[in-house]
Amino acid sequence: MIDRLRSLYTGNQEFTDLLESAISNRDMLSMDSERRKRPNFSYLAKHCGKILSRDDSANCAMLELGGWDTHNNQAQRLNRQFKILDDGLAELKLALGDTWKHTVVMVTTEFGRTVAVNGTKGTDHGTGSTMFMLGGAVKGKQVLGQWPGLAKANLYEGRDLMPTSDVRSWMASVLYQHWNVSLANIEKIFPDVKPIAQAIIRA
């Protein structure tokens, strides 16, 4: 397939360069199947940072870290999970080098957890959650959005953290403030979602 694409792109330098960059990125992340059947998060983050730090490579990536479905023994499992996440982010920052100061990292999830602990010292699927933003480009040391609190009267349906905003609105804010994506194009990416007005990116 690659040979056919190279033949197809003959004469088009832009497409040829993109193809070769993609091949190079794939080769950088190739893993010895005997030694690394399931690469750890730090390994992925480190090599992701190396790719992103290259001028001729991608400028956006997504990494996934499972293990957050803590229906039981939550305290011990979360301690382990947060260390894995923390170690991976440290590897990412180190690998990015000077690129870190122009970087935004969003750490988010697609589902929340209940506020109350269940009978097996865990929590079940909930509604609201949180999102972390970090990186050299982020105007940090602040809590954005609204914090509804954990009082019983403030919970959603008496059990979940009350959602106060759409996570996509914060992603749209990063696109708008960091990448200067127009509002018209953001509407195409996230229909019916508008960026949050609060400043996220350093001036």
C-alpha atoms as a PDB file:
ATOM      1  CA  MET A   1       0.000   0.000   0.000  1.00  0.00           C
ATOM      2  CA  ILE A   2       2.816   2.386   0.877  1.00  0.00           C
ATOM      3  CA  ASP A   3       4.532   1.704  -2.467  1.00  0.00           C
ATOM      4  CA  ARG A   4       1.287   2.424  -4.282  1.00  0.00           C
ATOM      5  CA  LEU A   5       0.825   5.684  -2.372  1.00  0.00           C
ATOM      6  CA  ARG A   6       4.377   6.733  -3.135  1.00  0.00           C
ATOM      7  CA  SER A   7       3.697   6.084  -6.805  1.00  0.00           C
ATOM      8  CA  LEU A   8       0.381   7.933  -6.641  1.00  0.00           C
ATOM      9  CA  TYR A   9       1.966  10.962  -4.951  1.00  0.00           C
ATOM     10  CA  THR A  10       4.829  11.248  -7.427  1.00  0.00           C
ATOM     11  CA  GLY A  11       5.028  14.882  -8.466  1.00  0.00           C
ATOM     12  CA  ASN A  12       3.108  16.148  -5.424  1.00  0.00           C
ATOM     13  CA  GLN A  13       5.744  17.165  -2.883  1.00  0.00           C
ATOM     14  CA  GLU A  14       3.256  18.107  -0.150  1.00  0.00           C
ATOM     15  CA  PHE A  15       1.534  14.705  -0.175  1.00  0.00           C
ATOM     16  CA  THR A  16       4.874  12.914  -0.467  1.00  0.00           C
ATOM     17  CA  ASP A  17       6.249  14.744   2.572  1.00  0.00           C
ATOM     18  CA  LEU A  18       3.120  13.972   4.613  1.00  0.00           C
ATOM     19  CA  LEU A  19       3.316  10.293   3.687  1.00  0.00           C
ATOM     20  CA  GLU A  20       6.993  10.017   4.606  1.00  0.00           C
ATOM     21  CA  SER A  21       6.335  11.816   7.907  1.00  0.00           C
ATOM     22  CA  ALA A  22       3.543   9.364   8.717  1.00  0.00           C
ATOM     23  CA  ILE A  23       5.809   6.411   7.907  1.00  0.00           C
ATOM     24  CA  SER A  24       8.561   7.863  10.091  1.00  0.00           C
ATOM     25  CA  ASN A  25       6.138   8.361  12.992  1.00  0.00           C
ATOM     26  CA  ARG A  26       4.916   4.789  12.650  1.00  0.00           C
ATOM     27  CA  ASP A  27       8.446   3.471  12.683  1.00  0.00           C
ATOM     28  CA  MET A  28       9.310   5.499  15.788  1.00  0.00           C
ATOM     29  CA  LEU A  29       6.438   3.885  17.663  1.00  0.00           C
ATOM     30  CA  SER A  30       7.020   0.372  16.361  1.00  0.00           C
ATOM     31  CA  MET A  31       7.462  -2.021  19.241  1.00  0.00           C
ATOM     32  CA  ASP A  32       9.111  -5.369  19.630  1.00  0.00           C
ATOM     33  CA  SER A  33       6.082  -7.656  19.998  1.00  0.00           C
ATOM     34  CA  GLU A  34       8.009 -10.037  22.219  1.00  0.00           C
ATOM     35  CA  ARG A  35       9.189  -7.363  24.659  1.00  0.00           C
ATOM     36  CA  ARG A  36       6.284  -4.914  24.580  1.00  0.00           C
ATOM     37  CA  LYS A  37       2.952  -6.528  23.907  1.00  0.00           C
ATOM     38  CA  ARG A  38       1.278  -3.940  26.120  1.00  0.00           C
ATOM     39  CA  PRO A  39       3.398  -0.773  26.315  1.00  0.00           C
ATOM     40  CA  ASN A  40       2.959   1.254  29.487  1.00  0.00           C
ATOM     41  CA  PHE A  41       1.649   4.794  29.532  1.00  0.00           C
ATOM     42  CA  SER A  42       5.025   6.377  30.315  1.00  0.00           C
ATOM     43  CA  TYR A  43       6.539   4.659  27.285  1.00  0.00           C
ATOM     44  CA  LEU A  44       3.759   5.948  25.030  1.00  0.00           C
ATOM     45  CA  ALA A  45       3.929   9.473  26.478  1.00  0.00           C
ATOM     46  CA  LYS A  46       7.705   9.627  26.060  1.00  0.00           C
ATOM     47  CA  HIS A  47       7.607   8.621  22.407  1.00  0.00           C
ATOM     48  CA  CYS A  48       4.593  10.839  21.766  1.00  0.00           C
ATOM     49  CA  GLY A  49       6.622  13.774  23.087  1.00  0.00           C
ATOM     50  CA  LYS A  50       9.533  12.904  20.797  1.00  0.00           C
ATOM     51  CA  ILE A  51       7.239  12.911  17.782  1.00  0.00           C
ATOM     52  CA  LEU A  52       5.511  16.162  18.715  1.00  0.00           C
ATOM     53  CA  SER A  53       8.820  17.938  19.355  1.00  0.00           C
ATOM     54  CA  ARG A  54       9.900  17.449  15.753  1.00  0.00           C
ATOM     55  CA  ASP A  55       9.221  20.435  13.486  1.00  0.00           C
ATOM     56  CA  ASP A  56       8.226  18.242  10.538  1.00  0.00           C
ATOM     57  CA  SER A  57       5.789  16.075  12.472  1.00  0.00           C
ATOM     58  CA  ALA A  58       2.289  16.156  13.925  1.00  0.00           C
ATOM     59  CA  ASN A  59       1.271  18.927  16.318  1.00  0.00           C
ATOM     60  CA  CYS A  60      -1.582  17.108  18.048  1.00  0.00           C
ATOM     61  CA  ALA A  61      -1.946  13.674  19.625  1.00  0.00           C
ATOM     62  CA  MET A  62      -4.296  11.693  21.842  1.00  0.00           C
ATOM     63  CA  LEU A  63      -3.246   9.092  24.412  1.00  0.00           C
ATOM     64  CA  GLU A  64      -5.599   6.805  26.309  1.00  0.00           C
ATOM     65  CA  LEU A  65      -5.108   5.474  29.818  1.00  0.00           C
ATOM     66  CA  GLY A  66      -7.610   2.894  31.060  1.00  0.00           C
ATOM     67  CA  GLY A  67      -8.206   1.580  34.547  1.00  0.00           C
ATOM     68  CA  TRP A  68     -10.429   4.318  35.964  1.00  0.00           C
ATOM     69  CA  ASP A  69     -13.605   2.236  36.279  1.00  0.00           C
ATOM     70  CA  THR A  70     -13.207   1.904  40.042  1.00  0.00           C
ATOM     71  CA  HIS A  71     -16.300   0.069  41.264  1.00  0.00           C
ATOM     72  CA  ASN A  72     -14.340  -1.392  44.170  1.00  0.00           C
ATOM     73  CA  ASN A  73     -11.212  -0.735  46.255  1.00  0.00           C
ATOM     74  CA  GLN A  74     -11.105   2.759  44.813  1.00  0.00           C
ATOM     75  CA  ALA A  75      -8.560   4.445  47.089  1.00  0.00           C
ATOM     76  CA  GLN A  76      -5.800   1.946  46.368  1.00  0.00           C
ATOM     77  CA  ARG A  77      -6.580   1.760  42.658  1.00  0.00           C
ATOM     78  CA  LEU A  78      -6.694   5.539  42.236  1.00  0.00           C
ATOM     79  CA  ASN A  79      -3.375   5.970  44.015  1.00  0.00           C
ATOM     80  CA  ARG A  80      -1.870   3.625  41.439  1.00  0.00           C
ATOM     81  CA  GLN A  81      -3.662   5.265  38.500  1.00  0.00           C
ATOM     82  CA  PHE A  82      -2.685   8.805  39.423  1.00  0.00           C
ATOM     83  CA  LYS A  83       0.961   7.775  39.760  1.00  0.00           C
ATOM     84  CA  ILE A  84       0.844   6.195  36.291  1.00  0.00           C
ATOM     85  CA  LEU A  85      -0.710   9.383  34.904  1.00  0.00           C
ATOM     86  CA  ASP A  86       1.756  11.627  36.726  1.00  0.00           C
ATOM     87  CA  ASP A  87       4.770   9.606  35.576  1.00  0.00           C
ATOM     88  CA  GLY A  88       3.516   9.651  31.991  1.00  0.00           C
ATOM     89  CA  LEU A  89       2.963  13.403  31.971  1.00  0.00           C
ATOM     90  CA  ALA A  90       6.466  13.902  33.370  1.00  0.00           C
ATOM     91  CA  GLU A  91       7.893  11.772  30.541  1.00  0.00           C
ATOM     92  CA  LEU A  92       5.866  13.747  28.003  1.00  0.00           C
ATOM     93  CA  LYS A  93       7.169  17.074  29.324  1.00  0.00           C
ATOM     94  CA  LEU A  94      10.759  15.823  29.353  1.00  0.00           C
ATOM     95  CA  ALA A  95      10.517  14.487  25.799  1.00  0.00           C
ATOM     96  CA  LEU A  96       8.919  17.680  24.479  1.00  0.00           C
ATOM     97  CA  GLY A  97      11.832  19.777  25.718  1.00  0.00           C
ATOM     98  CA  ASP A  98      11.487  23.427  24.646  1.00  0.00           C
ATOM     99  CA  THR A  99       8.238  22.550  22.840  1.00  0.00           C
ATOM    100  CA  TRP A 100       6.572  22.172  26.254  1.00  0.00           C
ATOM    101  CA  LYS A 101       6.312  25.958  26.634  1.00  0.00           C
ATOM    102  CA  HIS A 102       4.012  26.039  23.589  1.00  0.00           C
ATOM    103  CA  THR A 103       2.013  22.974  24.616  1.00  0.00           C
ATOM    104  CA  VAL A 104      -1.498  22.462  25.994  1.00  0.00           C
ATOM    105  CA  VAL A 105      -2.383  19.113  27.564  1.00  0.00           C
ATOM    106  CA  MET A 106      -6.003  18.253  28.317  1.00  0.00           C
ATOM    107  CA  VAL A 107      -6.730  15.369  30.679  1.00  0.00           C
ATOM    108  CA  THR A 108     -10.378  14.378  30.588  1.00  0.00           C
ATOM    109  CA  THR A 109     -12.806  11.475  30.726  1.00  0.00           C
ATOM    110  CA  GLU A 110     -16.099  10.567  29.083  1.00  0.00           C
ATOM    111  CA  PHE A 111     -17.905   9.707  32.315  1.00  0.00           C
ATOM    112  CA  GLY A 112     -17.933  10.716  35.973  1.00  0.00           C
ATOM    113  CA  ARG A 113     -18.290   8.797  39.227  1.00  0.00           C
ATOM    114  CA  THR A 114     -20.893   8.936  41.942  1.00  0.00           C
ATOM    115  CA  VAL A 115     -20.079  11.117  44.943  1.00  0.00           C
ATOM    116  CA  ALA A 116     -20.977   8.495  47.544  1.00  0.00           C
ATOM    117  CA  VAL A 117     -18.884   5.366  48.051  1.00  0.00           C
ATOM    118  CA  ASN A 118     -20.671   2.084  47.328  1.00  0.00           C
ATOM    119  CA  GLY A 119     -20.658  -1.098  49.417  1.00  0.00           C
ATOM    120  CA  THR A 120     -17.375  -2.358  47.961  1.00  0.00           C
ATOM    121  CA  LYS A 121     -15.360   0.793  48.740  1.00  0.00           C
ATOM    122  CA  GLY A 122     -15.642   2.079  45.193  1.00  0.00           C
ATOM    123  CA  THR A 123     -17.861   4.405  43.188  1.00  0.00           C
ATOM    124  CA  ASP A 124     -20.230   3.736  40.303  1.00  0.00           C
ATOM    125  CA  HIS A 125     -20.814   5.509  37.011  1.00  0.00           C
ATOM    126  CA  GLY A 126     -21.849   9.116  37.525  1.00  0.00           C
ATOM    127  CA  THR A 127     -22.540  12.271  35.566  1.00  0.00           C
ATOM    128  CA  GLY A 128     -20.244  15.203  36.315  1.00  0.00           C
ATOM    129  CA  SER A 129     -16.454  14.988  36.389  1.00  0.00           C
ATOM    130  CA  THR A 130     -13.433  17.255  36.121  1.00  0.00           C
ATOM    131  CA  MET A 131     -10.877  18.188  33.502  1.00  0.00           C
ATOM    132  CA  PHE A 132      -7.227  19.158  33.937  1.00  0.00           C
ATOM    133  CA  MET A 133      -5.318  21.490  31.633  1.00  0.00           C
ATOM    134  CA  LEU A 134      -1.565  21.870  31.834  1.00  0.00           C
ATOM    135  CA  GLY A 135       1.423  22.792  29.745  1.00  0.00           C
ATOM    136  CA  GLY A 136       3.644  25.795  29.207  1.00  0.00           C
ATOM    137  CA  ALA A 137       1.018  27.572  27.129  1.00  0.00           C
ATOM    138  CA  VAL A 138      -1.646  27.287  29.836  1.00  0.00           C
ATOM    139  CA  LYS A 139      -2.474  30.159  32.162  1.00  0.00           C
ATOM    140  CA  GLY A 140      -2.328  27.899  35.196  1.00  0.00           C
ATOM    141  CA  LYS A 141      -2.876  27.982  38.956  1.00  0.00           C
ATOM    142  CA  GLN A 142      -6.592  28.632  38.646  1.00  0.00           C
ATOM    143  CA  VAL A 143      -9.882  26.772  38.831  1.00  0.00           C
ATOM    144  CA  LEU A 144     -12.090  27.600  35.863  1.00  0.00           C
ATOM    145  CA  GLY A 145     -15.824  27.171  35.519  1.00  0.00           C
ATOM    146  CA  GLN A 146     -18.231  26.773  38.401  1.00  0.00           C
ATOM    147  CA  TRP A 147     -17.730  24.479  41.377  1.00  0.00           C
ATOM    148  CA  PRO A 148     -21.164  23.366  42.628  1.00  0.00           C
ATOM    149  CA  GLY A 149     -19.893  21.686  45.781  1.00  0.00           C
ATOM    150  CA  LEU A 150     -20.665  18.271  47.237  1.00  0.00           C
ATOM    151  CA  ALA A 151     -23.493  19.155  49.599  1.00  0.00           C
ATOM    152  CA  LYS A 152     -26.463  16.820  49.155  1.00  0.00           C
ATOM    153  CA  ALA A 153     -28.669  19.678  47.949  1.00  0.00           C
ATOM    154  CA  ASN A 154     -26.147  20.525  45.197  1.00  0.00           C
ATOM    155  CA  LEU A 155     -25.820  17.036  43.740  1.00  0.00           C
ATOM    156  CA  TYR A 156     -27.353  15.966  40.450  1.00  0.00           C
ATOM    157  CA  GLU A 157     -30.216  13.564  41.172  1.00  0.00           C
ATOM    158  CA  GLY A 158     -28.941  13.406  44.741  1.00  0.00           C
ATOM    159  CA  ARG A 159     -25.920  11.250  43.811  1.00  0.00           C
ATOM    160  CA  ASP A 160     -23.620  12.836  41.197  1.00  0.00           C
ATOM    161  CA  LEU A 161     -21.457  15.918  40.854  1.00  0.00           C
ATOM    162  CA  MET A 162     -23.621  18.557  39.178  1.00  0.00           C
ATOM    163  CA  PRO A 163     -22.481  19.239  35.587  1.00  0.00           C
ATOM    164  CA  THR A 164     -21.999  22.974  35.041  1.00  0.00           C
ATOM    165  CA  SER A 165     -20.464  23.031  31.542  1.00  0.00           C
ATOM    166  CA  ASP A 166     -19.822  20.876  28.498  1.00  0.00           C
ATOM    167  CA  VAL A 167     -16.280  19.464  28.286  1.00  0.00           C
ATOM    168  CA  ARG A 168     -16.346  20.207  24.550  1.00  0.00           C
ATOM    169  CA  SER A 169     -16.710  23.915  25.338  1.00  0.00           C
ATOM    170  CA  TRP A 170     -13.310  23.840  27.036  1.00  0.00           C
ATOM    171  CA  MET A 171     -11.802  21.957  24.112  1.00  0.00           C
ATOM    172  CA  ALA A 172     -13.305  24.575  21.801  1.00  0.00           C
ATOM    173  CA  SER A 173     -11.731  27.286  23.958  1.00  0.00           C
ATOM    174  CA  VAL A 174      -8.301  25.739  23.462  1.00  0.00           C
ATOM    175  CA  LEU A 175      -8.868  25.543  19.700  1.00  0.00           C
ATOM    176  CA  TYR A 176      -9.952  29.195  19.657  1.00  0.00           C
ATOM    177  CA  GLN A 177      -7.349  30.660  22.017  1.00  0.00           C
ATOM    178  CA  HIS A 178      -4.346  28.428  21.284  1.00  0.00           C
ATOM    179  CA  TRP A 179      -4.703  27.466  17.633  1.00  0.00           C
ATOM    180  CA  ASN A 180      -6.697  30.535  16.543  1.00  0.00           C
ATOM    181  CA  VAL A 181      -9.371  28.356  14.966  1.00  0.00           C
ATOM    182  CA  SER A 182     -12.240  30.551  13.788  1.00  0.00           C
ATOM    183  CA  LEU A 183     -15.639  30.352  15.439  1.00  0.00           C
ATOM    184  CA  ALA A 184     -17.112  29.242  12.115  1.00  0.00           C
ATOM    185  CA  ASN A 185     -14.744  26.271  11.953  1.00  0.00           C
ATOM    186  CA  ILE A 186     -15.268  25.436  15.622  1.00  0.00           C
ATOM    187  CA  GLU A 187     -18.979  25.202  14.854  1.00  0.00           C
ATOM    188  CA  LYS A 188     -18.127  22.529  12.269  1.00  0.00           C
ATOM    189  CA  ILE A 189     -15.997  20.588  14.771  1.00  0.00           C
ATOM    190  CA  PHE A 190     -18.357  20.920  17.754  1.00  0.00           C
ATOM    191  CA  PRO A 191     -21.841  21.817  16.463  1.00  0.00           C
ATOM    192  CA  ASP A 192     -23.892  23.929  18.889  1.00  0.00           C
ATOM    193  CA  VAL A 193     -20.913  24.338  21.252  1.00  0.00           C
ATOM    194  CA  LYS A 194     -19.310  27.708  21.947  1.00  0.00           C
ATOM    195  CA  PRO A 195     -15.894  28.353  23.528  1.00  0.00           C
ATOM    196  CA  ILE A 196     -15.854  29.384  27.187  1.00  0.00           C
ATOM    197  CA  ALA A 197     -15.030  33.072  27.552  1.00  0.00           C
ATOM    198  CA  GLN A 198     -12.488  32.590  30.365  1.00  0.00           C
ATOM    199  CA  ALA A 199      -8.785  32.956  29.517  1.00  0.00           C
ATOM    200  CA  ILE A 200      -7.006  29.607  29.354  1.00  0.00           C
ATOM    201  CA  ILE A 201      -3.925  30.398  27.310  1.00  0.00           C
ATOM    202  CA  ARG A 202      -1.125  32.715  28.400  1.00  0.00           C
ATOM    203  CA  ALA A 203      -1.175  36.110  26.735  1.00  0.00           C
END
